[in-house]
N, C-alpha and C. Protein backbone atom coordinates (compact mmCIF):
# COMPACT_ATOMS: atom_id res chain seq x y z
N MET A 1 5.23 -17.75 38.06
CA MET A 1 4.59 -16.81 37.17
C MET A 1 3.40 -16.13 37.87
N LEU A 2 2.57 -16.92 38.50
CA LEU A 2 1.44 -16.35 39.24
C LEU A 2 1.92 -15.50 40.40
N PHE A 3 2.94 -16.00 41.12
CA PHE A 3 3.46 -15.25 42.26
C PHE A 3 4.09 -13.93 41.82
N ASP A 4 4.70 -13.91 40.65
CA ASP A 4 5.26 -12.66 40.13
C ASP A 4 4.16 -11.64 39.89
N ALA A 5 3.04 -12.10 39.33
CA ALA A 5 1.91 -11.21 39.07
C ALA A 5 1.33 -10.68 40.38
N ILE A 6 1.26 -11.55 41.37
CA ILE A 6 0.74 -11.13 42.68
C ILE A 6 1.67 -10.09 43.30
N GLU A 7 2.97 -10.34 43.26
CA GLU A 7 3.94 -9.39 43.80
C GLU A 7 3.85 -8.04 43.09
N ARG A 8 3.69 -8.05 41.78
CA ARG A 8 3.57 -6.78 41.03
C ARG A 8 2.31 -6.03 41.44
N GLU A 9 1.22 -6.76 41.59
CA GLU A 9 -0.05 -6.11 41.98
C GLU A 9 0.05 -5.54 43.40
N LEU A 10 0.66 -6.29 44.32
CA LEU A 10 0.83 -5.79 45.68
C LEU A 10 1.72 -4.54 45.69
N SER A 11 2.74 -4.55 44.87
CA SER A 11 3.63 -3.38 44.77
C SER A 11 2.87 -2.17 44.24
N ARG A 12 2.03 -2.42 43.23
CA ARG A 12 1.23 -1.33 42.66
C ARG A 12 0.28 -0.77 43.71
N LEU A 13 -0.37 -1.65 44.46
CA LEU A 13 -1.30 -1.20 45.51
C LEU A 13 -0.57 -0.43 46.60
N ASP A 14 0.61 -0.91 46.99
CA ASP A 14 1.41 -0.19 47.98
C ASP A 14 1.76 1.21 47.48
N GLY A 15 2.20 1.29 46.24
CA GLY A 15 2.60 2.58 45.66
C GLY A 15 1.45 3.56 45.58
N ALA A 16 0.24 3.04 45.36
CA ALA A 16 -0.94 3.90 45.25
C ALA A 16 -1.57 4.17 46.62
N GLY A 17 -1.02 3.55 47.68
CA GLY A 17 -1.58 3.75 49.02
C GLY A 17 -2.91 3.06 49.21
N LEU A 18 -3.16 1.99 48.45
CA LEU A 18 -4.46 1.32 48.48
C LEU A 18 -4.46 -0.01 49.22
N ARG A 19 -3.32 -0.41 49.71
CA ARG A 19 -3.25 -1.69 50.39
C ARG A 19 -3.72 -1.54 51.83
N ARG A 20 -4.49 -2.50 52.28
CA ARG A 20 -5.02 -2.47 53.63
C ARG A 20 -3.88 -2.56 54.64
N ALA A 21 -3.93 -1.71 55.64
CA ALA A 21 -2.93 -1.73 56.70
C ALA A 21 -3.63 -2.04 58.02
N LEU A 22 -3.18 -3.07 58.69
CA LEU A 22 -3.76 -3.42 59.98
C LEU A 22 -3.29 -2.44 61.04
N ARG A 23 -4.19 -2.11 61.93
CA ARG A 23 -3.86 -1.20 63.03
C ARG A 23 -4.08 -1.93 64.34
N VAL A 24 -3.30 -1.57 65.34
CA VAL A 24 -3.37 -2.24 66.63
C VAL A 24 -3.97 -1.28 67.65
N ALA A 25 -5.02 -1.76 68.35
CA ALA A 25 -5.65 -0.96 69.40
C ALA A 25 -5.02 -1.33 70.74
N GLU A 26 -4.81 -0.34 71.60
CA GLU A 26 -4.20 -0.60 72.90
C GLU A 26 -5.16 -1.30 73.85
N ASP A 27 -6.44 -0.95 73.82
CA ASP A 27 -7.43 -1.54 74.72
C ASP A 27 -8.74 -1.71 73.96
N PRO A 28 -9.15 -2.92 73.65
CA PRO A 28 -10.34 -3.13 72.82
C PRO A 28 -11.66 -2.79 73.47
N THR A 29 -11.67 -2.41 74.76
CA THR A 29 -12.95 -2.13 75.41
C THR A 29 -13.25 -0.65 75.57
N ASN A 30 -12.32 0.22 75.23
CA ASN A 30 -12.57 1.65 75.35
C ASN A 30 -13.14 2.22 74.07
N ILE A 31 -13.98 3.22 74.21
CA ILE A 31 -14.54 3.90 73.03
C ILE A 31 -13.47 4.76 72.38
N ARG A 32 -12.70 5.46 73.19
CA ARG A 32 -11.57 6.25 72.66
C ARG A 32 -10.34 5.35 72.64
N GLN A 33 -9.74 5.23 71.48
CA GLN A 33 -8.62 4.33 71.30
C GLN A 33 -7.38 5.06 70.82
N ARG A 34 -6.22 4.60 71.28
CA ARG A 34 -4.96 5.03 70.70
C ARG A 34 -4.58 3.92 69.73
N ILE A 35 -4.59 4.25 68.44
CA ILE A 35 -4.35 3.28 67.38
C ILE A 35 -2.98 3.53 66.77
N THR A 36 -2.19 2.46 66.65
CA THR A 36 -0.88 2.54 66.02
C THR A 36 -0.94 1.84 64.67
N ASP A 37 -0.57 2.56 63.61
CA ASP A 37 -0.62 1.96 62.28
C ASP A 37 0.70 1.25 61.95
N ARG A 38 0.78 0.70 60.75
CA ARG A 38 1.94 -0.07 60.33
C ARG A 38 3.21 0.78 60.29
N ALA A 39 3.07 2.07 60.07
CA ALA A 39 4.22 2.97 60.03
C ALA A 39 4.67 3.39 61.43
N GLY A 40 3.94 2.97 62.46
CA GLY A 40 4.30 3.32 63.83
C GLY A 40 3.71 4.62 64.33
N VAL A 41 2.81 5.22 63.55
CA VAL A 41 2.16 6.47 63.93
C VAL A 41 0.97 6.15 64.83
N THR A 42 0.89 6.80 65.99
CA THR A 42 -0.19 6.57 66.94
C THR A 42 -1.11 7.79 66.99
N LYS A 43 -2.43 7.54 66.89
CA LYS A 43 -3.43 8.60 66.94
C LYS A 43 -4.55 8.16 67.88
N GLU A 44 -5.21 9.14 68.49
CA GLU A 44 -6.41 8.83 69.27
C GLU A 44 -7.61 8.92 68.34
N GLN A 45 -8.45 7.89 68.38
CA GLN A 45 -9.62 7.84 67.52
C GLN A 45 -10.81 7.32 68.31
N LEU A 46 -12.01 7.61 67.81
CA LEU A 46 -13.22 7.02 68.38
C LEU A 46 -13.45 5.68 67.70
N LEU A 47 -13.78 4.68 68.48
CA LEU A 47 -13.99 3.33 67.97
C LEU A 47 -15.47 3.02 68.03
N PHE A 48 -16.10 2.94 66.88
CA PHE A 48 -17.54 2.69 66.82
C PHE A 48 -17.88 1.22 66.60
N CYS A 49 -16.89 0.36 66.50
CA CYS A 49 -17.17 -1.04 66.18
C CYS A 49 -16.94 -1.97 67.36
N SER A 50 -16.72 -1.45 68.54
CA SER A 50 -16.49 -2.34 69.68
C SER A 50 -17.83 -2.89 70.17
N ASN A 51 -17.75 -3.93 70.98
CA ASN A 51 -18.97 -4.48 71.56
C ASN A 51 -19.32 -3.77 72.87
N ASP A 52 -18.63 -2.68 73.15
CA ASP A 52 -18.86 -1.91 74.38
C ASP A 52 -19.55 -0.59 74.05
N TYR A 53 -20.59 -0.65 73.25
CA TYR A 53 -21.24 0.58 72.80
C TYR A 53 -21.95 1.33 73.93
N LEU A 54 -22.21 0.69 75.04
CA LEU A 54 -22.82 1.38 76.18
C LEU A 54 -21.76 1.93 77.13
N GLY A 55 -20.50 1.58 76.91
CA GLY A 55 -19.43 2.07 77.76
C GLY A 55 -19.39 1.42 79.13
N LEU A 56 -19.90 0.21 79.26
CA LEU A 56 -19.98 -0.44 80.56
C LEU A 56 -18.83 -1.41 80.84
N ALA A 57 -18.03 -1.75 79.86
CA ALA A 57 -16.98 -2.77 80.05
C ALA A 57 -15.94 -2.35 81.07
N ASN A 58 -15.74 -1.07 81.26
CA ASN A 58 -14.76 -0.61 82.24
C ASN A 58 -15.41 -0.11 83.54
N HIS A 59 -16.69 -0.34 83.69
CA HIS A 59 -17.38 0.07 84.91
C HIS A 59 -16.94 -0.83 86.06
N SER A 60 -16.65 -0.26 87.22
CA SER A 60 -16.08 -1.02 88.34
C SER A 60 -16.98 -2.17 88.80
N LYS A 61 -18.29 -1.96 88.83
CA LYS A 61 -19.19 -3.02 89.29
C LYS A 61 -19.25 -4.17 88.28
N ILE A 62 -19.16 -3.85 87.01
CA ILE A 62 -19.16 -4.88 85.97
C ILE A 62 -17.87 -5.71 86.05
N LYS A 63 -16.75 -5.04 86.31
CA LYS A 63 -15.47 -5.74 86.41
C LYS A 63 -15.43 -6.69 87.59
N GLN A 64 -16.14 -6.35 88.67
CA GLN A 64 -16.18 -7.23 89.85
C GLN A 64 -16.87 -8.51 89.51
């Protein structure tokens, strides 16, 4: 009974486009990311939540 209610609510959220969709980043250290969503659509986006806010993670001397 509870699971039926959960399934109905998830279906409603899917239909309204309100369900969270996880996206996969190709490289977590770049500021510019190519993100692929659950539907398989890939877009380039700016990533403001990485820990590489100074852009140093891909610097050659840092990698050494």
